[in-house]
């Protein structure tokens, strides 16, 4: 019995920290930039050329913001996003706060991209938190 439990913990540990996944039912996959064959990591600083998003606080969102192109997201197309103070982009108005929902969630919210999903705040004395975006012809 100990071997089965140990194997279960090892398998759970492997998949809980997976560096790639998919495809899902729609053919989408993901892969960490640190993995062989993964996407090249590139940070684009738009703090001097982009637009600052004002109004972010604690557990709130701002929008809609036009992204500048039609974005195919699963079975529908979007052209605007709402930016959440907890590090997500959502394709409709709504607030996501801790404890964050999992994706996919058959009975919950699924129309968001959780790029930095964490319990963050832009409020408080001395808090330097700022958020910027830049809409280009093919990226946001």
N, C-alpha and C. Protein backbone atom coordinates (compact mmCIF):
# COMPACT_ATOMS: atom_id res chain seq x y z
N UNK A 1 0.81 -1.19 0.00
CA UNK A 1 0.00 0.00 0.00
C UNK A 1 0.86 1.26 0.00
N UNK A 2 1.95 1.27 0.69
CA UNK A 2 2.81 2.44 0.75
C UNK A 2 3.35 2.80 -0.63
N UNK A 3 3.62 1.81 -1.45
CA UNK A 3 4.13 2.08 -2.78
C UNK A 3 3.09 2.77 -3.64
N UNK A 4 1.84 2.38 -3.52
CA UNK A 4 0.76 3.00 -4.30
C UNK A 4 0.57 4.45 -3.86
N UNK A 5 0.56 4.70 -2.57
CA UNK A 5 0.40 6.06 -2.08
C UNK A 5 1.56 6.94 -2.51
N UNK A 6 2.77 6.42 -2.40
CA UNK A 6 3.95 7.18 -2.83
C UNK A 6 3.86 7.47 -4.32
N UNK A 7 3.47 6.48 -5.11
CA UNK A 7 3.33 6.69 -6.56
C UNK A 7 2.27 7.74 -6.84
N UNK A 8 1.18 7.74 -6.09
CA UNK A 8 0.12 8.72 -6.29
C UNK A 8 0.63 10.12 -5.99
N UNK A 9 1.41 10.28 -4.90
CA UNK A 9 1.97 11.58 -4.57
C UNK A 9 2.96 12.03 -5.64
N UNK A 10 3.78 11.13 -6.14
CA UNK A 10 4.74 11.48 -7.18
C UNK A 10 4.03 11.91 -8.46
N UNK A 11 3.00 11.16 -8.86
CA UNK A 11 2.25 11.53 -10.06
C UNK A 11 1.55 12.86 -9.88
N UNK A 12 0.95 13.07 -8.72
CA UNK A 12 0.28 14.33 -8.45
C UNK A 12 1.28 15.48 -8.51
N UNK A 13 2.47 15.29 -7.94
CA UNK A 13 3.50 16.33 -7.99
C UNK A 13 3.95 16.64 -9.40
N UNK A 14 4.05 15.62 -10.22
CA UNK A 14 4.47 15.84 -11.61
C UNK A 14 3.45 16.64 -12.38
N UNK A 15 2.18 16.31 -12.23
CA UNK A 15 1.15 16.99 -13.01
C UNK A 15 0.76 18.33 -12.41
N UNK A 16 0.90 18.51 -11.10
CA UNK A 16 0.57 19.79 -10.47
C UNK A 16 1.53 20.88 -10.93
N UNK A 17 2.75 20.52 -11.31
CA UNK A 17 3.72 21.49 -11.75
C UNK A 17 4.09 21.27 -13.22
N UNK A 18 3.13 20.84 -14.00
CA UNK A 18 3.38 20.54 -15.41
C UNK A 18 3.83 21.80 -16.14
N UNK A 19 4.74 21.63 -17.07
CA UNK A 19 5.26 22.75 -17.85
C UNK A 19 4.67 22.83 -19.24
N UNK A 20 3.72 21.95 -19.53
CA UNK A 20 2.98 21.99 -20.78
C UNK A 20 1.69 21.22 -20.58
N UNK A 21 0.76 21.42 -21.47
CA UNK A 21 -0.50 20.72 -21.32
C UNK A 21 -1.35 20.82 -22.57
N UNK A 22 -2.42 20.04 -22.56
CA UNK A 22 -3.36 20.03 -23.67
C UNK A 22 -3.05 18.91 -24.63
N UNK A 23 -3.76 18.84 -25.70
CA UNK A 23 -4.79 19.80 -26.11
C UNK A 23 -6.08 19.61 -25.33
N UNK A 24 -6.83 20.72 -25.21
CA UNK A 24 -8.15 20.63 -24.60
C UNK A 24 -9.15 20.26 -25.68
N UNK A 25 -10.42 20.33 -25.38
CA UNK A 25 -11.47 19.92 -26.32
C UNK A 25 -11.49 20.79 -27.58
N UNK A 26 -10.87 21.97 -27.53
CA UNK A 26 -10.85 22.86 -28.69
C UNK A 26 -9.49 22.87 -29.40
N UNK A 27 -8.56 22.04 -28.93
CA UNK A 27 -7.25 21.93 -29.57
C UNK A 27 -6.19 22.85 -29.02
N UNK A 28 -6.52 23.65 -27.99
CA UNK A 28 -5.54 24.56 -27.42
C UNK A 28 -4.53 23.80 -26.56
N UNK A 29 -3.27 24.21 -26.63
CA UNK A 29 -2.21 23.66 -25.80
C UNK A 29 -1.45 24.81 -25.14
N UNK A 30 -0.63 24.50 -24.17
CA UNK A 30 0.24 25.51 -23.58
C UNK A 30 1.58 24.89 -23.26
N UNK A 31 2.61 25.75 -23.25
CA UNK A 31 3.96 25.29 -22.96
C UNK A 31 4.75 26.42 -22.33
N UNK A 32 5.47 26.11 -21.28
CA UNK A 32 6.30 27.07 -20.57
C UNK A 32 7.49 27.48 -21.45
N UNK A 33 7.89 28.73 -21.37
CA UNK A 33 9.02 29.21 -22.18
C UNK A 33 10.35 28.58 -21.76
N UNK A 34 10.41 27.96 -20.59
CA UNK A 34 11.63 27.29 -20.14
C UNK A 34 11.75 25.87 -20.67
N UNK A 35 10.72 25.37 -21.32
CA UNK A 35 10.72 24.00 -21.83
C UNK A 35 11.39 23.93 -23.20
N UNK A 36 12.06 22.82 -23.52
CA UNK A 36 12.63 22.65 -24.87
C UNK A 36 11.53 22.81 -25.93
N UNK A 37 11.79 23.65 -26.90
CA UNK A 37 10.80 23.91 -27.95
C UNK A 37 9.72 24.89 -27.55
N UNK A 38 9.79 25.42 -26.33
CA UNK A 38 8.79 26.37 -25.87
C UNK A 38 8.97 27.73 -26.54
N UNK A 39 8.01 28.62 -26.35
CA UNK A 39 8.11 29.95 -26.97
C UNK A 39 9.27 30.74 -26.38
N UNK A 40 9.85 31.61 -27.16
CA UNK A 40 10.94 32.47 -26.67
C UNK A 40 10.34 33.53 -25.75
N UNK A 41 10.92 33.67 -24.56
CA UNK A 41 10.47 34.67 -23.61
C UNK A 41 10.94 36.04 -24.09
N UNK A 42 10.02 37.00 -24.11
CA UNK A 42 10.38 38.37 -24.49
C UNK A 42 9.50 39.33 -23.68
N UNK A 43 10.14 40.21 -22.94
CA UNK A 43 9.41 41.21 -22.16
C UNK A 43 9.41 42.51 -22.94
N UNK A 44 8.22 43.07 -23.16
CA UNK A 44 8.08 44.34 -23.86
C UNK A 44 7.64 45.39 -22.86
N UNK A 45 8.53 46.31 -22.55
CA UNK A 45 8.24 47.37 -21.60
C UNK A 45 7.48 48.48 -22.31
N UNK A 46 6.21 48.69 -21.94
CA UNK A 46 5.43 49.74 -22.60
C UNK A 46 5.09 50.86 -21.62
N UNK A 47 5.88 51.00 -20.55
CA UNK A 47 5.60 52.05 -19.57
C UNK A 47 5.83 53.45 -20.13
N UNK A 48 6.63 53.57 -21.19
CA UNK A 48 6.86 54.89 -21.78
C UNK A 48 6.09 55.09 -23.08
N UNK A 49 5.63 54.00 -23.69
CA UNK A 49 4.93 54.12 -24.98
C UNK A 49 3.47 53.68 -24.91
N UNK A 50 3.06 53.06 -23.81
CA UNK A 50 1.71 52.54 -23.69
C UNK A 50 0.79 53.49 -22.95
N UNK A 51 -0.37 52.98 -22.59
CA UNK A 51 -1.39 53.75 -21.87
C UNK A 51 -1.52 53.18 -20.47
N UNK A 52 -1.44 54.05 -19.47
CA UNK A 52 -1.60 53.59 -18.10
C UNK A 52 -3.08 53.34 -17.81
N UNK A 53 -3.35 52.25 -17.13
CA UNK A 53 -4.72 51.93 -16.73
C UNK A 53 -4.94 52.52 -15.34
N UNK A 54 -5.83 53.48 -15.26
CA UNK A 54 -6.13 54.13 -13.99
C UNK A 54 -7.39 53.52 -13.39
N UNK A 55 -7.48 53.56 -12.08
CA UNK A 55 -8.68 53.09 -11.40
C UNK A 55 -8.57 51.70 -10.82
N UNK A 56 -7.44 51.02 -11.01
CA UNK A 56 -7.28 49.71 -10.39
C UNK A 56 -7.04 49.90 -8.90
N UNK A 57 -7.65 49.05 -8.10
CA UNK A 57 -7.51 49.13 -6.65
C UNK A 57 -7.25 47.77 -6.06
N UNK A 58 -8.17 47.31 -5.23
CA UNK A 58 -8.08 45.99 -4.62
C UNK A 58 -9.33 45.22 -5.00
N UNK A 59 -9.14 44.10 -5.66
CA UNK A 59 -10.25 43.24 -6.09
C UNK A 59 -11.27 44.00 -6.92
N UNK A 60 -10.78 44.71 -7.95
CA UNK A 60 -11.69 45.38 -8.87
C UNK A 60 -11.19 45.20 -10.30
N UNK A 61 -11.89 45.80 -11.25
CA UNK A 61 -11.52 45.71 -12.65
C UNK A 61 -11.85 47.02 -13.35
N UNK A 62 -11.21 47.23 -14.50
CA UNK A 62 -11.41 48.44 -15.30
C UNK A 62 -11.66 48.01 -16.74
N UNK A 63 -12.54 48.70 -17.42
CA UNK A 63 -12.79 48.39 -18.83
C UNK A 63 -14.18 48.83 -19.24
N UNK A 64 -14.52 48.57 -20.48
CA UNK A 64 -13.76 47.80 -21.46
C UNK A 64 -12.65 48.62 -22.11
N UNK A 65 -11.62 47.92 -22.54
CA UNK A 65 -10.50 48.51 -23.28
C UNK A 65 -10.44 47.81 -24.63
N UNK A 66 -10.44 48.60 -25.70
CA UNK A 66 -10.36 48.04 -27.05
C UNK A 66 -8.95 47.50 -27.29
N UNK A 67 -8.83 46.26 -27.78
CA UNK A 67 -7.52 45.67 -28.00
C UNK A 67 -6.97 45.96 -29.39
N UNK A 68 -7.79 46.48 -30.30
CA UNK A 68 -7.29 46.91 -31.60
C UNK A 68 -7.40 45.89 -32.71
N UNK A 69 -7.93 44.70 -32.42
CA UNK A 69 -8.10 43.66 -33.44
C UNK A 69 -9.11 42.64 -32.92
N UNK A 70 -9.55 41.76 -33.80
CA UNK A 70 -10.46 40.68 -33.42
C UNK A 70 -9.65 39.51 -32.89
N UNK A 71 -9.94 39.06 -31.69
CA UNK A 71 -9.21 37.99 -31.03
C UNK A 71 -10.10 36.76 -30.92
N UNK A 72 -9.70 35.68 -31.59
CA UNK A 72 -10.46 34.43 -31.53
C UNK A 72 -10.16 33.73 -30.21
N UNK A 73 -11.17 33.56 -29.39
CA UNK A 73 -11.03 32.92 -28.08
C UNK A 73 -12.06 31.80 -27.99
N UNK A 74 -11.60 30.60 -28.12
CA UNK A 74 -12.44 29.41 -28.18
C UNK A 74 -13.48 29.58 -29.28
N UNK A 75 -14.74 29.55 -28.98
CA UNK A 75 -15.76 29.54 -30.04
C UNK A 75 -16.31 30.92 -30.38
N UNK A 76 -15.71 31.97 -29.86
CA UNK A 76 -16.20 33.32 -30.15
C UNK A 76 -15.04 34.28 -30.37
N UNK A 77 -15.34 35.47 -30.82
CA UNK A 77 -14.33 36.48 -31.13
C UNK A 77 -14.57 37.71 -30.25
N UNK A 78 -13.48 38.26 -29.74
CA UNK A 78 -13.56 39.45 -28.88
C UNK A 78 -12.70 40.57 -29.44
N UNK A 79 -13.06 41.81 -29.10
CA UNK A 79 -12.27 42.97 -29.51
C UNK A 79 -11.98 43.91 -28.34
N UNK A 80 -12.41 43.50 -27.14
CA UNK A 80 -12.17 44.34 -25.95
C UNK A 80 -11.96 43.44 -24.74
N UNK A 81 -11.30 44.01 -23.72
CA UNK A 81 -11.04 43.29 -22.47
C UNK A 81 -11.33 44.19 -21.28
N UNK A 82 -11.51 43.55 -20.15
CA UNK A 82 -11.56 44.21 -18.85
C UNK A 82 -10.31 43.74 -18.11
N UNK A 83 -9.61 44.66 -17.46
CA UNK A 83 -8.37 44.33 -16.75
C UNK A 83 -8.67 44.26 -15.26
N UNK A 84 -8.32 43.12 -14.65
CA UNK A 84 -8.56 42.94 -13.22
C UNK A 84 -7.33 43.25 -12.40
N UNK A 85 -7.55 43.85 -11.23
CA UNK A 85 -6.43 44.21 -10.36
C UNK A 85 -5.68 42.98 -9.84
N UNK A 86 -6.26 41.81 -9.98
CA UNK A 86 -5.61 40.58 -9.52
C UNK A 86 -4.88 39.86 -10.64
N UNK A 87 -4.54 40.57 -11.72
CA UNK A 87 -3.66 40.02 -12.74
C UNK A 87 -4.31 39.20 -13.83
N UNK A 88 -5.48 39.58 -14.27
CA UNK A 88 -6.15 38.84 -15.33
C UNK A 88 -6.78 39.79 -16.35
N UNK A 89 -7.02 39.25 -17.53
CA UNK A 89 -7.81 39.91 -18.57
C UNK A 89 -9.09 39.12 -18.71
N UNK A 90 -10.22 39.81 -18.75
CA UNK A 90 -11.51 39.13 -18.86
C UNK A 90 -12.26 39.66 -20.08
N UNK A 91 -13.01 38.79 -20.72
CA UNK A 91 -13.75 39.16 -21.92
C UNK A 91 -15.20 39.47 -21.60
N UNK A 92 -15.41 40.17 -20.52
CA UNK A 92 -16.71 40.62 -20.06
C UNK A 92 -16.51 41.21 -18.67
N UNK A 93 -17.39 42.10 -18.24
CA UNK A 93 -17.20 42.71 -16.92
C UNK A 93 -17.44 41.68 -15.82
N UNK A 94 -16.58 41.68 -14.85
CA UNK A 94 -16.72 40.77 -13.72
C UNK A 94 -15.49 40.81 -12.85
N UNK A 95 -15.66 40.53 -11.59
CA UNK A 95 -14.56 40.61 -10.65
C UNK A 95 -14.15 39.22 -10.19
N UNK A 96 -12.86 38.92 -10.28
CA UNK A 96 -12.32 37.65 -9.79
C UNK A 96 -11.39 37.96 -8.62
N UNK A 97 -11.65 37.31 -7.50
CA UNK A 97 -10.84 37.54 -6.30
C UNK A 97 -10.55 36.19 -5.64
N UNK A 98 -9.60 36.19 -4.71
CA UNK A 98 -9.23 34.95 -4.02
C UNK A 98 -10.46 34.44 -3.25
N UNK A 99 -10.64 33.22 -3.26
CA UNK A 99 -10.04 32.06 -3.85
C UNK A 99 -10.42 31.99 -5.32
N UNK A 100 -9.42 31.97 -6.19
CA UNK A 100 -9.65 32.08 -7.61
C UNK A 100 -10.22 30.80 -8.19
N UNK A 101 -11.15 30.94 -9.14
CA UNK A 101 -11.73 29.74 -9.77
C UNK A 101 -10.72 29.05 -10.67
N UNK A 102 -10.91 27.78 -10.87
CA UNK A 102 -10.07 27.03 -11.79
C UNK A 102 -10.64 27.14 -13.20
N UNK A 103 -9.79 26.93 -14.19
CA UNK A 103 -10.22 26.92 -15.59
C UNK A 103 -9.90 25.53 -16.14
N UNK A 104 -10.77 24.83 -16.81
CA UNK A 104 -12.17 25.21 -17.03
C UNK A 104 -13.01 24.91 -15.80
N UNK A 105 -14.11 25.63 -15.71
CA UNK A 105 -15.04 25.46 -14.61
C UNK A 105 -16.43 25.28 -15.21
N UNK A 106 -16.96 24.07 -15.22
CA UNK A 106 -18.24 23.80 -15.88
C UNK A 106 -19.39 24.66 -15.38
N UNK A 107 -19.34 25.12 -14.13
CA UNK A 107 -20.44 25.92 -13.60
C UNK A 107 -20.04 27.35 -13.25
N UNK A 108 -18.89 27.81 -13.77
CA UNK A 108 -18.43 29.13 -13.37
C UNK A 108 -17.89 29.95 -14.52
N UNK A 109 -17.09 30.95 -14.18
CA UNK A 109 -16.50 31.88 -15.13
C UNK A 109 -15.37 31.19 -15.89
N UNK A 110 -15.35 31.34 -17.21
CA UNK A 110 -14.29 30.75 -18.03
C UNK A 110 -13.73 31.74 -19.06
N UNK A 111 -14.25 32.93 -19.11
CA UNK A 111 -13.87 33.87 -20.17
C UNK A 111 -12.76 34.82 -19.74
N UNK A 112 -11.66 34.26 -19.22
CA UNK A 112 -10.55 35.12 -18.80
C UNK A 112 -9.22 34.44 -19.05
N UNK A 113 -8.18 35.26 -19.09
CA UNK A 113 -6.81 34.79 -19.20
C UNK A 113 -6.10 35.22 -17.91
N UNK A 114 -5.59 34.24 -17.17
CA UNK A 114 -5.01 34.49 -15.85
C UNK A 114 -3.49 34.61 -15.96
N UNK A 115 -3.02 35.70 -16.53
CA UNK A 115 -1.59 35.88 -16.74
C UNK A 115 -0.77 35.98 -15.47
N UNK A 116 -1.24 36.74 -14.49
CA UNK A 116 -0.53 36.94 -13.22
C UNK A 116 -1.45 36.69 -12.04
N UNK A 117 -2.45 35.86 -12.17
CA UNK A 117 -3.50 35.70 -11.17
C UNK A 117 -2.93 35.52 -9.77
N UNK A 118 -3.14 36.55 -8.93
CA UNK A 118 -2.70 36.54 -7.54
C UNK A 118 -3.51 37.61 -6.81
N UNK A 119 -3.55 37.55 -5.50
CA UNK A 119 -4.29 38.53 -4.70
C UNK A 119 -3.45 39.79 -4.58
N UNK A 120 -3.56 40.66 -5.59
CA UNK A 120 -2.75 41.88 -5.64
C UNK A 120 -3.61 43.11 -5.34
N UNK A 121 -2.96 44.22 -5.06
CA UNK A 121 -3.65 45.48 -4.86
C UNK A 121 -2.81 46.62 -5.42
N UNK A 122 -3.49 47.65 -5.87
CA UNK A 122 -2.82 48.86 -6.36
C UNK A 122 -2.99 50.00 -5.36
N UNK A 123 -3.49 49.70 -4.18
CA UNK A 123 -3.77 50.70 -3.15
C UNK A 123 -2.70 50.70 -2.07
N UNK A 124 -2.70 51.72 -1.23
CA UNK A 124 -1.83 51.77 -0.07
C UNK A 124 -0.72 52.79 -0.22
N UNK A 125 -0.36 53.37 0.89
CA UNK A 125 0.71 54.37 0.92
C UNK A 125 2.02 53.70 0.50
N UNK A 126 2.70 54.29 -0.46
CA UNK A 126 3.98 53.77 -0.91
C UNK A 126 3.88 52.60 -1.87
N UNK A 127 2.69 52.21 -2.29
CA UNK A 127 2.53 51.10 -3.23
C UNK A 127 2.85 51.61 -4.63
N UNK A 128 3.90 51.09 -5.28
CA UNK A 128 4.28 51.59 -6.60
C UNK A 128 3.55 50.90 -7.75
N UNK A 129 2.54 50.06 -7.46
CA UNK A 129 1.87 49.28 -8.49
C UNK A 129 1.26 50.14 -9.58
N UNK A 130 1.57 49.81 -10.83
CA UNK A 130 1.00 50.47 -12.00
C UNK A 130 0.75 49.42 -13.07
N UNK A 131 -0.18 49.69 -13.95
CA UNK A 131 -0.51 48.77 -15.02
C UNK A 131 -0.62 49.56 -16.32
N UNK A 132 0.00 49.06 -17.39
CA UNK A 132 0.00 49.70 -18.70
C UNK A 132 -0.41 48.69 -19.76
N UNK A 133 -0.92 49.20 -20.87
CA UNK A 133 -1.17 48.34 -22.02
C UNK A 133 -0.76 49.08 -23.28
N UNK A 134 -0.53 48.32 -24.32
CA UNK A 134 -0.25 48.88 -25.63
C UNK A 134 -0.92 47.99 -26.66
N UNK A 135 -1.80 48.59 -27.43
CA UNK A 135 -2.50 47.86 -28.47
C UNK A 135 -1.78 48.06 -29.81
N UNK A 136 -1.33 46.97 -30.41
CA UNK A 136 -0.70 46.99 -31.71
C UNK A 136 -1.60 46.29 -32.70
N UNK A 137 -1.18 46.20 -33.94
CA UNK A 137 -2.00 45.60 -34.99
C UNK A 137 -2.28 44.12 -34.71
N UNK A 138 -1.33 43.42 -34.10
CA UNK A 138 -1.49 41.99 -33.88
C UNK A 138 -1.20 41.52 -32.46
N UNK A 139 -1.07 42.46 -31.53
CA UNK A 139 -0.81 42.07 -30.15
C UNK A 139 -1.32 43.14 -29.21
N UNK A 140 -1.50 42.77 -27.95
CA UNK A 140 -2.01 43.67 -26.95
C UNK A 140 -1.23 43.44 -25.67
